[in-house]
Amino acid sequence: MAEPTIAKRLQRRFILMTSDTAIEARLGAEMPDGWEMMVVRSLEEVGDWVDILLYRFILLDLDATQDFDPVEIIRDLRTEHMLQIAVFCFGGDPALRDEMRMNRADRFFERDEIVARVRSFLQQYGW
């Protein structure tokens, strides 16, 4: 478990949950200096709930269902860890998006749209 220091909390970083290397590269190309993107396929790769809190937001690929269950991820965040970190989902079909909404995911975007929007997220969460 990471020691939750002020310096670590002030680091500008976010989590990308995907197995799509193309979207990872496209999102990485949008990142300005001073930001870090951690690409994972499970929350366990990030660490305990304290470790997750050190990130500004999560981008969750709803098309990566062969690698992880997005519904289980959001349930784990919201009920097991009781975290209110922003979760921006992209991709997925309407039924999966509805299920994610019921489990308190925050916003939904198309795959191409998330690339265009990531800059505004980085600005908004750049405090």
Protein backbone atom coordinates (compact mmCIF):
# COMPACT_ATOMS: atom_id res chain seq x y z
CA MET A 1 0.00 0.00 0.00
CA ALA A 2 1.30 3.46 -0.92
CA GLU A 3 1.89 5.98 1.79
CA PRO A 4 -0.76 8.65 1.03
CA THR A 5 1.43 11.76 1.17
CA ILE A 6 0.42 15.20 -0.05
CA ALA A 7 3.13 15.07 -2.71
CA LYS A 8 1.73 11.79 -4.09
CA ARG A 9 -1.82 13.17 -4.05
CA LEU A 10 -0.69 16.19 -6.05
CA GLN A 11 0.77 14.03 -8.83
CA ARG A 12 -1.28 14.37 -11.98
CA ARG A 13 -2.24 10.88 -13.04
CA PHE A 14 -5.20 8.79 -14.05
CA ILE A 15 -6.07 5.14 -14.63
CA LEU A 16 -6.94 3.69 -18.03
CA MET A 17 -8.58 0.26 -17.90
CA THR A 18 -8.30 -1.28 -21.36
CA SER A 19 -6.51 -3.92 -23.40
CA ASP A 20 -6.77 -1.87 -26.61
CA THR A 21 -3.24 -0.71 -27.42
CA ALA A 22 -4.51 1.58 -30.19
CA ILE A 23 -6.74 3.59 -27.82
CA GLU A 24 -3.94 3.58 -25.26
CA ALA A 25 -1.57 5.12 -27.83
CA ARG A 26 -4.14 7.68 -28.96
CA LEU A 27 -4.87 8.76 -25.38
CA GLY A 28 -1.17 8.82 -24.56
CA ALA A 29 -0.56 11.18 -27.48
CA GLU A 30 -3.04 13.65 -25.96
CA MET A 31 -1.28 13.85 -22.61
CA PRO A 32 0.64 17.02 -21.80
CA ASP A 33 3.84 17.01 -19.79
CA GLY A 34 3.27 16.46 -16.10
CA TRP A 35 0.56 13.80 -16.48
CA GLU A 36 0.89 10.04 -16.07
CA MET A 37 -1.48 7.38 -17.39
CA MET A 38 -1.48 3.99 -15.65
CA VAL A 39 -2.86 1.27 -17.92
CA VAL A 40 -4.30 -1.72 -16.05
CA ARG A 41 -6.74 -4.58 -16.49
CA SER A 42 -7.68 -4.92 -12.82
CA LEU A 43 -7.96 -2.70 -9.77
CA GLU A 44 -5.58 -5.05 -7.97
CA GLU A 45 -2.82 -3.81 -10.29
CA VAL A 46 -3.36 -0.32 -8.85
CA GLY A 47 -3.34 -1.50 -5.25
CA ASP A 48 -5.59 -1.00 -2.25
CA TRP A 49 -8.28 1.69 -1.99
CA VAL A 50 -5.73 4.19 -0.66
CA ASP A 51 -3.66 3.67 -3.81
CA ILE A 52 -6.70 4.20 -6.05
CA LEU A 53 -7.41 7.50 -4.28
CA LEU A 54 -4.06 8.84 -5.48
CA TYR A 55 -5.44 8.99 -9.05
CA ARG A 56 -7.61 11.82 -10.38
CA PHE A 57 -10.05 9.73 -12.46
CA ILE A 58 -10.55 6.42 -14.29
CA LEU A 59 -11.21 5.84 -18.00
CA LEU A 60 -12.98 2.49 -18.32
CA ASP A 61 -13.20 0.65 -21.65
CA LEU A 62 -16.60 -1.04 -21.87
CA ASP A 63 -15.52 -3.02 -24.94
CA ALA A 64 -12.73 -4.85 -23.07
CA THR A 65 -15.13 -7.38 -21.53
CA GLN A 66 -12.88 -10.32 -22.46
CA ASP A 67 -10.24 -8.97 -20.05
CA PHE A 68 -12.36 -7.73 -17.16
CA ASP A 69 -15.97 -7.23 -16.16
CA PRO A 70 -16.69 -3.46 -16.20
CA VAL A 71 -19.80 -3.92 -14.05
CA GLU A 72 -17.77 -5.75 -11.43
CA ILE A 73 -15.14 -2.98 -11.55
CA ILE A 74 -17.69 -0.23 -10.87
CA ARG A 75 -19.41 -2.29 -8.16
CA ASP A 76 -16.06 -2.91 -6.50
CA LEU A 77 -15.20 0.80 -6.60
CA ARG A 78 -18.56 2.02 -5.35
CA THR A 79 -19.59 -0.66 -2.84
CA GLU A 80 -16.48 -2.57 -1.78
CA HIS A 81 -14.05 0.36 -1.66
CA MET A 82 -16.79 3.03 -1.29
CA LEU A 83 -14.85 5.38 -3.57
CA GLN A 84 -16.37 8.25 -5.50
CA ILE A 85 -13.48 8.70 -7.94
CA ALA A 86 -14.79 9.85 -11.33
CA VAL A 87 -15.28 6.95 -13.78
CA PHE A 88 -15.61 7.93 -17.44
CA CYS A 89 -16.69 5.01 -19.60
CA PHE A 90 -16.23 4.65 -23.33
CA GLY A 91 -17.54 2.15 -25.86
CA GLY A 92 -20.05 -0.51 -24.88
CA ASP A 93 -23.58 -1.20 -26.02
CA PRO A 94 -26.71 0.51 -24.63
CA ALA A 95 -27.55 -2.39 -22.28
CA LEU A 96 -24.09 -2.39 -20.70
CA ARG A 97 -24.15 1.40 -20.37
CA ASP A 98 -27.51 1.20 -18.60
CA GLU A 99 -26.14 -1.39 -16.19
CA MET A 100 -23.11 0.80 -15.55
CA ARG A 101 -25.40 3.78 -14.86
CA MET A 102 -27.34 1.71 -12.32
CA ASN A 103 -24.03 0.98 -10.58
CA ARG A 104 -23.07 4.68 -10.51
CA ALA A 105 -20.59 5.13 -13.34
CA ASP A 106 -20.29 8.83 -14.09
CA ARG A 107 -20.26 9.59 -17.81
CA PHE A 108 -20.32 7.71 -21.12
CA PHE A 109 -18.60 8.44 -24.42
CA GLU A 110 -18.05 6.81 -27.78
CA ARG A 111 -14.56 5.41 -28.43
CA ASP A 112 -13.47 8.27 -30.69
CA GLU A 113 -15.13 10.84 -28.48
CA ILE A 114 -13.08 9.87 -25.40
CA VAL A 115 -9.86 10.76 -27.19
CA ALA A 116 -11.19 14.23 -27.99
CA ARG A 117 -12.48 14.72 -24.44
CA VAL A 118 -9.43 13.57 -22.50
CA ARG A 119 -7.77 16.99 -22.88
CA SER A 120 -10.70 18.68 -21.14
CA PHE A 121 -10.57 16.09 -18.34
CA LEU A 122 -6.86 16.73 -17.86
CA GLN A 123 -7.51 20.45 -17.67
CA GLN A 124 -10.45 20.04 -15.30
CA TYR A 125 -8.55 17.68 -12.98
CA GLY A 126 -5.25 19.52 -13.27
CA TRP A 127 -5.53 21.32 -9.93
